Amino acid sequence: MHSAWLKGLTGPAKEQRKEEILRHRNAFDDLKEVLEKNYRKKASIRDYGEPGWEHRQIAANEYNAVLDDLLKLLSLTKVK
């Protein structure tokens, strides 16, 4: 489970929040599946001779990073 779910919580409040999040596991798994199927990573930009290719590559990198962050947040398995 990503630490963002429990940020700022301690003791019983933290444990209660963990249980609450785990009760929504099926919804998170379904959402993760939808994201993986419908929001694929953007391909690298290879047209280096075109003006502005750097900006398109940056945008693709940022999109991919956000998608990875969302998938990590929805994954409730223990991080190793």
PDB file of N, CA and C in Angstrom:
ATOM      1  N   MET A   1       0.851  -1.178   0.000  1.00  0.00           N
ATOM      2  CA  MET A   1       0.000   0.000   0.000  1.00  0.00           C
ATOM      3  C   MET A   1       0.896   1.240   0.000  1.00  0.00           C
ATOM      4  N   HIS A   2       0.572   2.160  -0.858  1.00  0.00           N
ATOM      5  CA  HIS A   2       1.355   3.392  -0.980  1.00  0.00           C
ATOM      6  C   HIS A   2       1.194   4.225   0.293  1.00  0.00           C
ATOM      7  N   SER A   3       2.278   4.840   0.733  1.00  0.00           N
ATOM      8  CA  SER A   3       2.277   5.618   1.971  1.00  0.00           C
ATOM      9  C   SER A   3       1.358   6.843   1.911  1.00  0.00           C
ATOM     10  N   ALA A   4       1.009   7.297   0.709  1.00  0.00           N
ATOM     11  CA  ALA A   4       0.128   8.469   0.583  1.00  0.00           C
ATOM     12  C   ALA A   4      -1.232   8.221   1.236  1.00  0.00           C
ATOM     13  N   TRP A   5      -1.666   6.956   1.260  1.00  0.00           N
ATOM     14  CA  TRP A   5      -2.963   6.631   1.858  1.00  0.00           C
ATOM     15  C   TRP A   5      -2.970   6.856   3.368  1.00  0.00           C
ATOM     16  N   LEU A   6      -1.798   6.799   4.000  1.00  0.00           N
ATOM     17  CA  LEU A   6      -1.723   6.846   5.457  1.00  0.00           C
ATOM     18  C   LEU A   6      -0.985   8.072   5.985  1.00  0.00           C
ATOM     19  N   LYS A   7      -0.640   8.960   5.102  1.00  0.00           N
ATOM     20  CA  LYS A   7       0.148  10.132   5.475  1.00  0.00           C
ATOM     21  C   LYS A   7      -0.540  10.946   6.580  1.00  0.00           C
ATOM     22  N   GLY A   8       0.222  11.230   7.628  1.00  0.00           N
ATOM     23  CA  GLY A   8      -0.278  12.056   8.721  1.00  0.00           C
ATOM     24  C   GLY A   8      -1.092  11.312   9.761  1.00  0.00           C
ATOM     25  N   LEU A   9      -1.282  10.023   9.589  1.00  0.00           N
ATOM     26  CA  LEU A   9      -2.066   9.242  10.542  1.00  0.00           C
ATOM     27  C   LEU A   9      -1.152   8.403  11.426  1.00  0.00           C
ATOM     28  N   THR A  10      -1.573   8.212  12.666  1.00  0.00           N
ATOM     29  CA  THR A  10      -0.815   7.368  13.594  1.00  0.00           C
ATOM     30  C   THR A  10      -1.778   6.523  14.408  1.00  0.00           C
ATOM     31  N   GLY A  11      -1.229   5.491  15.006  1.00  0.00           N
ATOM     32  CA  GLY A  11      -1.992   4.651  15.930  1.00  0.00           C
ATOM     33  C   GLY A  11      -3.265   4.078  15.349  1.00  0.00           C
ATOM     34  N   PRO A  12      -4.350   4.143  16.139  1.00  0.00           N
ATOM     35  CA  PRO A  12      -5.625   3.559  15.710  1.00  0.00           C
ATOM     36  C   PRO A  12      -6.195   4.182  14.436  1.00  0.00           C
ATOM     37  N   ALA A  13      -5.978   5.470  14.252  1.00  0.00           N
ATOM     38  CA  ALA A  13      -6.487   6.145  13.046  1.00  0.00           C
ATOM     39  C   ALA A  13      -5.810   5.572  11.803  1.00  0.00           C
ATOM     40  N   LYS A  14      -4.516   5.260  11.909  1.00  0.00           N
ATOM     41  CA  LYS A  14      -3.776   4.693  10.785  1.00  0.00           C
ATOM     42  C   LYS A  14      -4.291   3.292  10.464  1.00  0.00           C
ATOM     43  N   GLU A  15      -4.502   2.485  11.492  1.00  0.00           N
ATOM     44  CA  GLU A  15      -5.008   1.128  11.292  1.00  0.00           C
ATOM     45  C   GLU A  15      -6.427   1.145  10.721  1.00  0.00           C
ATOM     46  N   GLN A  16      -7.247   2.060  11.200  1.00  0.00           N
ATOM     47  CA  GLN A  16      -8.612   2.187  10.699  1.00  0.00           C
ATOM     48  C   GLN A  16      -8.601   2.573   9.222  1.00  0.00           C
ATOM     49  N   ARG A  17      -7.712   3.490   8.857  1.00  0.00           N
ATOM     50  CA  ARG A  17      -7.609   3.917   7.462  1.00  0.00           C
ATOM     51  C   ARG A  17      -7.141   2.764   6.570  1.00  0.00           C
ATOM     52  N   LYS A  18      -6.181   1.956   7.074  1.00  0.00           N
ATOM     53  CA  LYS A  18      -5.715   0.792   6.317  1.00  0.00           C
ATOM     54  C   LYS A  18      -6.873  -0.151   6.016  1.00  0.00           C
ATOM     55  N   GLU A  19      -7.659  -0.450   7.051  1.00  0.00           N
ATOM     56  CA  GLU A  19      -8.802  -1.347   6.878  1.00  0.00           C
ATOM     57  C   GLU A  19      -9.810  -0.772   5.889  1.00  0.00           C
ATOM     58  N   GLU A  20     -10.034   0.527   5.986  1.00  0.00           N
ATOM     59  CA  GLU A  20     -10.970   1.213   5.086  1.00  0.00           C
ATOM     60  C   GLU A  20     -10.512   1.096   3.626  1.00  0.00           C
ATOM     61  N   ILE A  21      -9.234   1.344   3.402  1.00  0.00           N
ATOM     62  CA  ILE A  21      -8.686   1.261   2.050  1.00  0.00           C
ATOM     63  C   ILE A  21      -8.773  -0.165   1.525  1.00  0.00           C
ATOM     64  N   LEU A  22      -8.428  -1.137   2.356  1.00  0.00           N
ATOM     65  CA  LEU A  22      -8.453  -2.535   1.923  1.00  0.00           C
ATOM     66  C   LEU A  22      -9.870  -3.012   1.597  1.00  0.00           C
ATOM     67  N   ARG A  23     -10.874  -2.425   2.211  1.00  0.00           N
ATOM     68  CA  ARG A  23     -12.264  -2.775   1.886  1.00  0.00           C
ATOM     69  C   ARG A  23     -12.628  -2.335   0.467  1.00  0.00           C
ATOM     70  N   HIS A  24     -11.893  -1.391  -0.068  1.00  0.00           N
ATOM     71  CA  HIS A  24     -12.145  -0.899  -1.426  1.00  0.00           C
ATOM     72  C   HIS A  24     -11.236  -1.563  -2.461  1.00  0.00           C
ATOM     73  N   ARG A  25     -10.568  -2.631  -2.063  1.00  0.00           N
ATOM     74  CA  ARG A  25      -9.602  -3.308  -2.928  1.00  0.00           C
ATOM     75  C   ARG A  25     -10.199  -3.670  -4.288  1.00  0.00           C
ATOM     76  N   ASN A  26     -11.411  -4.209  -4.316  1.00  0.00           N
ATOM     77  CA  ASN A  26     -12.024  -4.613  -5.594  1.00  0.00           C
ATOM     78  C   ASN A  26     -12.205  -3.426  -6.529  1.00  0.00           C
ATOM     79  N   ALA A  27     -12.646  -2.304  -5.987  1.00  0.00           N
ATOM     80  CA  ALA A  27     -12.830  -1.106  -6.817  1.00  0.00           C
ATOM     81  C   ALA A  27     -11.484  -0.612  -7.341  1.00  0.00           C
ATOM     82  N   PHE A  28     -10.451  -0.632  -6.496  1.00  0.00           N
ATOM     83  CA  PHE A  28      -9.126  -0.206  -6.931  1.00  0.00           C
ATOM     84  C   PHE A  28      -8.585  -1.139  -8.009  1.00  0.00           C
ATOM     85  N   ASP A  29      -8.785  -2.446  -7.837  1.00  0.00           N
ATOM     86  CA  ASP A  29      -8.334  -3.411  -8.841  1.00  0.00           C
ATOM     87  C   ASP A  29      -9.048  -3.182 -10.171  1.00  0.00           C
ATOM     88  N   ASP A  30     -10.353  -2.909 -10.104  1.00  0.00           N
ATOM     89  CA  ASP A  30     -11.118  -2.638 -11.329  1.00  0.00           C
ATOM     90  C   ASP A  30     -10.630  -1.363 -12.012  1.00  0.00           C
ATOM     91  N   LEU A  31     -10.391  -0.330 -11.236  1.00  0.00           N
ATOM     92  CA  LEU A  31      -9.907   0.933 -11.797  1.00  0.00           C
ATOM     93  C   LEU A  31      -8.518   0.760 -12.402  1.00  0.00           C
ATOM     94  N   LYS A  32      -7.669   0.014 -11.729  1.00  0.00           N
ATOM     95  CA  LYS A  32      -6.326  -0.254 -12.243  1.00  0.00           C
ATOM     96  C   LYS A  32      -6.410  -0.979 -13.592  1.00  0.00           C
ATOM     97  N   GLU A  33      -7.316  -1.938 -13.687  1.00  0.00           N
ATOM     98  CA  GLU A  33      -7.503  -2.681 -14.935  1.00  0.00           C
ATOM     99  C   GLU A  33      -7.976  -1.755 -16.061  1.00  0.00           C
ATOM    100  N   VAL A  34      -8.911  -0.869 -15.758  1.00  0.00           N
ATOM    101  CA  VAL A  34      -9.407   0.086 -16.757  1.00  0.00           C
ATOM    102  C   VAL A  34      -8.270   0.998 -17.228  1.00  0.00           C
ATOM    103  N   LEU A  35      -7.473   1.490 -16.292  1.00  0.00           N
ATOM    104  CA  LEU A  35      -6.350   2.357 -16.664  1.00  0.00           C
ATOM    105  C   LEU A  35      -5.351   1.611 -17.543  1.00  0.00           C
ATOM    106  N   GLU A  36      -5.045   0.375 -17.184  1.00  0.00           N
ATOM    107  CA  GLU A  36      -4.074  -0.397 -17.959  1.00  0.00           C
ATOM    108  C   GLU A  36      -4.578  -0.698 -19.374  1.00  0.00           C
ATOM    109  N   LYS A  37      -5.878  -0.904 -19.517  1.00  0.00           N
ATOM    110  CA  LYS A  37      -6.440  -1.233 -20.824  1.00  0.00           C
ATOM    111  C   LYS A  37      -6.646  -0.004 -21.707  1.00  0.00           C
ATOM    112  N   ASN A  38      -7.054   1.101 -21.119  1.00  0.00           N
ATOM    113  CA  ASN A  38      -7.480   2.259 -21.901  1.00  0.00           C
ATOM    114  C   ASN A  38      -6.497   3.416 -21.946  1.00  0.00           C
ATOM    115  N   TYR A  39      -5.530   3.421 -21.063  1.00  0.00           N
ATOM    116  CA  TYR A  39      -4.573   4.525 -21.012  1.00  0.00           C
ATOM    117  C   TYR A  39      -3.172   3.949 -21.099  1.00  0.00           C
ATOM    118  N   ARG A  40      -2.789   3.649 -22.305  1.00  0.00           N
ATOM    119  CA  ARG A  40      -1.469   3.045 -22.539  1.00  0.00           C
ATOM    120  C   ARG A  40      -0.382   4.109 -22.520  1.00  0.00           C
ATOM    121  N   LYS A  41       0.821   3.645 -22.243  1.00  0.00           N
ATOM    122  CA  LYS A  41       1.957   4.564 -22.235  1.00  0.00           C
ATOM    123  C   LYS A  41       2.181   5.135 -23.633  1.00  0.00           C
ATOM    124  N   LYS A  42       2.630   6.359 -23.672  1.00  0.00           N
ATOM    125  CA  LYS A  42       2.947   7.031 -24.933  1.00  0.00           C
ATOM    126  C   LYS A  42       4.317   6.561 -25.429  1.00  0.00           C
ATOM    127  N   ALA A  43       4.426   6.396 -26.725  1.00  0.00           N
ATOM    128  CA  ALA A  43       5.690   5.983 -27.337  1.00  0.00           C
ATOM    129  C   ALA A  43       6.683   7.135 -27.320  1.00  0.00           C
ATOM    130  N   SER A  44       7.952   6.784 -27.355  1.00  0.00           N
ATOM    131  CA  SER A  44       9.015   7.796 -27.437  1.00  0.00           C
ATOM    132  C   SER A  44       8.926   8.524 -28.777  1.00  0.00           C
ATOM    133  N   ILE A  45       9.304   9.776 -28.768  1.00  0.00           N
ATOM    134  CA  ILE A  45       9.306  10.597 -29.977  1.00  0.00           C
ATOM    135  C   ILE A  45      10.651  10.397 -30.672  1.00  0.00           C
ATOM    136  N   ARG A  46      10.618   9.969 -31.921  1.00  0.00           N
ATOM    137  CA  ARG A  46      11.853   9.656 -32.640  1.00  0.00           C
ATOM    138  C   ARG A  46      12.129  10.602 -33.807  1.00  0.00           C
ATOM    139  N   ASP A  47      11.234  11.557 -34.050  1.00  0.00           N
ATOM    140  CA  ASP A  47      11.447  12.461 -35.191  1.00  0.00           C
ATOM    141  C   ASP A  47      12.266  13.677 -34.746  1.00  0.00           C
ATOM    142  N   TYR A  48      13.559  13.430 -34.532  1.00  0.00           N
ATOM    143  CA  TYR A  48      14.458  14.441 -33.986  1.00  0.00           C
ATOM    144  C   TYR A  48      14.642  15.656 -34.890  1.00  0.00           C
ATOM    145  N   GLY A  49      14.390  15.506 -36.166  1.00  0.00           N
ATOM    146  CA  GLY A  49      14.556  16.620 -37.089  1.00  0.00           C
ATOM    147  C   GLY A  49      13.386  17.585 -37.083  1.00  0.00           C
ATOM    148  N   GLU A  50      12.274  17.200 -36.510  1.00  0.00           N
ATOM    149  CA  GLU A  50      11.078  18.048 -36.471  1.00  0.00           C
ATOM    150  C   GLU A  50      11.194  19.083 -35.350  1.00  0.00           C
ATOM    151  N   PRO A  51      10.800  20.308 -35.621  1.00  0.00           N
ATOM    152  CA  PRO A  51      10.837  21.337 -34.576  1.00  0.00           C
ATOM    153  C   PRO A  51       9.898  20.969 -33.416  1.00  0.00           C
ATOM    154  N   GLY A  52      10.384  21.171 -32.223  1.00  0.00           N
ATOM    155  CA  GLY A  52       9.553  20.938 -31.039  1.00  0.00           C
ATOM    156  C   GLY A  52       9.482  19.485 -30.592  1.00  0.00           C
ATOM    157  N   TRP A  53      10.304  18.610 -31.176  1.00  0.00           N
ATOM    158  CA  TRP A  53      10.253  17.206 -30.783  1.00  0.00           C
ATOM    159  C   TRP A  53      10.572  17.036 -29.295  1.00  0.00           C
ATOM    160  N   GLU A  54      11.445  17.913 -28.779  1.00  0.00           N
ATOM    161  CA  GLU A  54      11.827  17.820 -27.360  1.00  0.00           C
ATOM    162  C   GLU A  54      10.615  18.012 -26.454  1.00  0.00           C
ATOM    163  N   HIS A  55       9.759  18.956 -26.832  1.00  0.00           N
ATOM    164  CA  HIS A  55       8.575  19.240 -26.014  1.00  0.00           C
ATOM    165  C   HIS A  55       7.579  18.084 -26.070  1.00  0.00           C
ATOM    166  N   ARG A  56       7.444  17.485 -27.230  1.00  0.00           N
ATOM    167  CA  ARG A  56       6.553  16.327 -27.355  1.00  0.00           C
ATOM    168  C   ARG A  56       7.095  15.139 -26.559  1.00  0.00           C
ATOM    169  N   GLN A  57       8.422  14.986 -26.540  1.00  0.00           N
ATOM    170  CA  GLN A  57       9.027  13.899 -25.768  1.00  0.00           C
ATOM    171  C   GLN A  57       8.835  14.144 -24.274  1.00  0.00           C
ATOM    172  N   ILE A  58       9.014  15.377 -23.841  1.00  0.00           N
ATOM    173  CA  ILE A  58       8.802  15.718 -22.429  1.00  0.00           C
ATOM    174  C   ILE A  58       7.358  15.427 -22.039  1.00  0.00           C
ATOM    175  N   ALA A  59       6.419  15.813 -22.887  1.00  0.00           N
ATOM    176  CA  ALA A  59       4.995  15.563 -22.602  1.00  0.00           C
ATOM    177  C   ALA A  59       4.714  14.065 -22.499  1.00  0.00           C
ATOM    178  N   ALA A  60       5.288  13.271 -23.385  1.00  0.00           N
ATOM    179  CA  ALA A  60       5.097  11.817 -23.341  1.00  0.00           C
ATOM    180  C   ALA A  60       5.702  11.248 -22.060  1.00  0.00           C
ATOM    181  N   ASN A  61       6.891  11.721 -21.688  1.00  0.00           N
ATOM    182  CA  ASN A  61       7.537  11.252 -20.453  1.00  0.00           C
ATOM    183  C   ASN A  61       6.687  11.580 -19.228  1.00  0.00           C
ATOM    184  N   GLU A  62       6.147  12.800 -19.185  1.00  0.00           N
ATOM    185  CA  GLU A  62       5.334  13.208 -18.046  1.00  0.00           C
ATOM    186  C   GLU A  62       4.038  12.414 -17.979  1.00  0.00           C
ATOM    187  N   TYR A  63       3.405  12.187 -19.112  1.00  0.00           N
ATOM    188  CA  TYR A  63       2.182  11.368 -19.166  1.00  0.00           C
ATOM    189  C   TYR A  63       2.474   9.974 -18.618  1.00  0.00           C
ATOM    190  N   ASN A  64       3.561   9.368 -19.097  1.00  0.00           N
ATOM    191  CA  ASN A  64       3.925   8.029 -18.652  1.00  0.00           C
ATOM    192  C   ASN A  64       4.228   7.989 -17.158  1.00  0.00           C
ATOM    193  N   ALA A  65       4.880   9.018 -16.644  1.00  0.00           N
ATOM    194  CA  ALA A  65       5.206   9.077 -15.220  1.00  0.00           C
ATOM    195  C   ALA A  65       3.937   9.173 -14.370  1.00  0.00           C
ATOM    196  N   VAL A  66       2.990   9.993 -14.802  1.00  0.00           N
ATOM    197  CA  VAL A  66       1.726  10.128 -14.059  1.00  0.00           C
ATOM    198  C   VAL A  66       0.950   8.822 -14.091  1.00  0.00           C
ATOM    199  N   LEU A  67       0.912   8.171 -15.230  1.00  0.00           N
ATOM    200  CA  LEU A  67       0.226   6.882 -15.339  1.00  0.00           C
ATOM    201  C   LEU A  67       0.863   5.870 -14.387  1.00  0.00           C
ATOM    202  N   ASP A  68       2.189   5.815 -14.349  1.00  0.00           N
ATOM    203  CA  ASP A  68       2.886   4.916 -13.419  1.00  0.00           C
ATOM    204  C   ASP A  68       2.545   5.252 -11.969  1.00  0.00           C
ATOM    205  N   ASP A  69       2.527   6.549 -11.637  1.00  0.00           N
ATOM    206  CA  ASP A  69       2.205   6.972 -10.267  1.00  0.00           C
ATOM    207  C   ASP A  69       0.796   6.547  -9.870  1.00  0.00           C
ATOM    208  N   LEU A  70      -0.157   6.717 -10.777  1.00  0.00           N
ATOM    209  CA  LEU A  70      -1.536   6.307 -10.477  1.00  0.00           C
ATOM    210  C   LEU A  70      -1.640   4.804 -10.270  1.00  0.00           C
ATOM    211  N   LEU A  71      -0.980   4.044 -11.113  1.00  0.00           N
ATOM    212  CA  LEU A  71      -1.021   2.583 -10.978  1.00  0.00           C
ATOM    213  C   LEU A  71      -0.376   2.132  -9.674  1.00  0.00           C
ATOM    214  N   LYS A  72       0.703   2.789  -9.266  1.00  0.00           N
ATOM    215  CA  LYS A  72       1.345   2.468  -7.984  1.00  0.00           C
ATOM    216  C   LYS A  72       0.418   2.799  -6.816  1.00  0.00           C
ATOM    217  N   LEU A  73      -0.270   3.926  -6.907  1.00  0.00           N
ATOM    218  CA  LEU A  73      -1.190   4.337  -5.845  1.00  0.00           C
ATOM    219  C   LEU A  73      -2.329   3.343  -5.687  1.00  0.00           C
ATOM    220  N   LEU A  74      -2.813   2.818  -6.802  1.00  0.00           N
ATOM    221  CA  LEU A  74      -3.941   1.876  -6.767  1.00  0.00           C
ATOM    222  C   LEU A  74      -3.524   0.472  -6.367  1.00  0.00           C
ATOM    223  N   SER A  75      -2.250   0.174  -6.459  1.00  0.00           N
ATOM    224  CA  SER A  75      -1.770  -1.142  -6.084  1.00  0.00           C
ATOM    225  C   SER A  75      -1.669  -1.218  -4.561  1.00  0.00           C
ATOM    226  N   LEU A  76      -2.398  -2.148  -3.975  1.00  0.00           N
ATOM    227  CA  LEU A  76      -2.416  -2.241  -2.515  1.00  0.00           C
ATOM    228  C   LEU A  76      -1.477  -3.325  -2.009  1.00  0.00           C
ATOM    229  N   THR A  77      -0.644  -3.858  -2.885  1.00  0.00           N
ATOM    230  CA  THR A  77       0.330  -4.861  -2.438  1.00  0.00           C
ATOM    231  C   THR A  77       1.480  -4.173  -1.742  1.00  0.00           C
ATOM    232  N   LYS A  78       2.155  -4.924  -0.925  1.00  0.00           N
ATOM    233  CA  LYS A  78       3.262  -4.385  -0.157  1.00  0.00           C
ATOM    234  C   LYS A  78       4.434  -4.057  -1.076  1.00  0.00           C
ATOM    235  N   VAL A  79       5.001  -2.879  -0.924  1.00  0.00           N
ATOM    236  CA  VAL A  79       6.138  -2.451  -1.729  1.00  0.00           C
ATOM    237  C   VAL A  79       7.395  -3.082  -1.137  1.00  0.00           C
ATOM    238  N   LYS A  80       8.235  -3.665  -2.018  1.00  0.00           N
ATOM    239  CA  LYS A  80       9.468  -4.333  -1.543  1.00  0.00           C
ATOM    240  C   LYS A  80      10.650  -3.438  -1.681  1.00  0.00           C
TER     241      LYS A  80
END
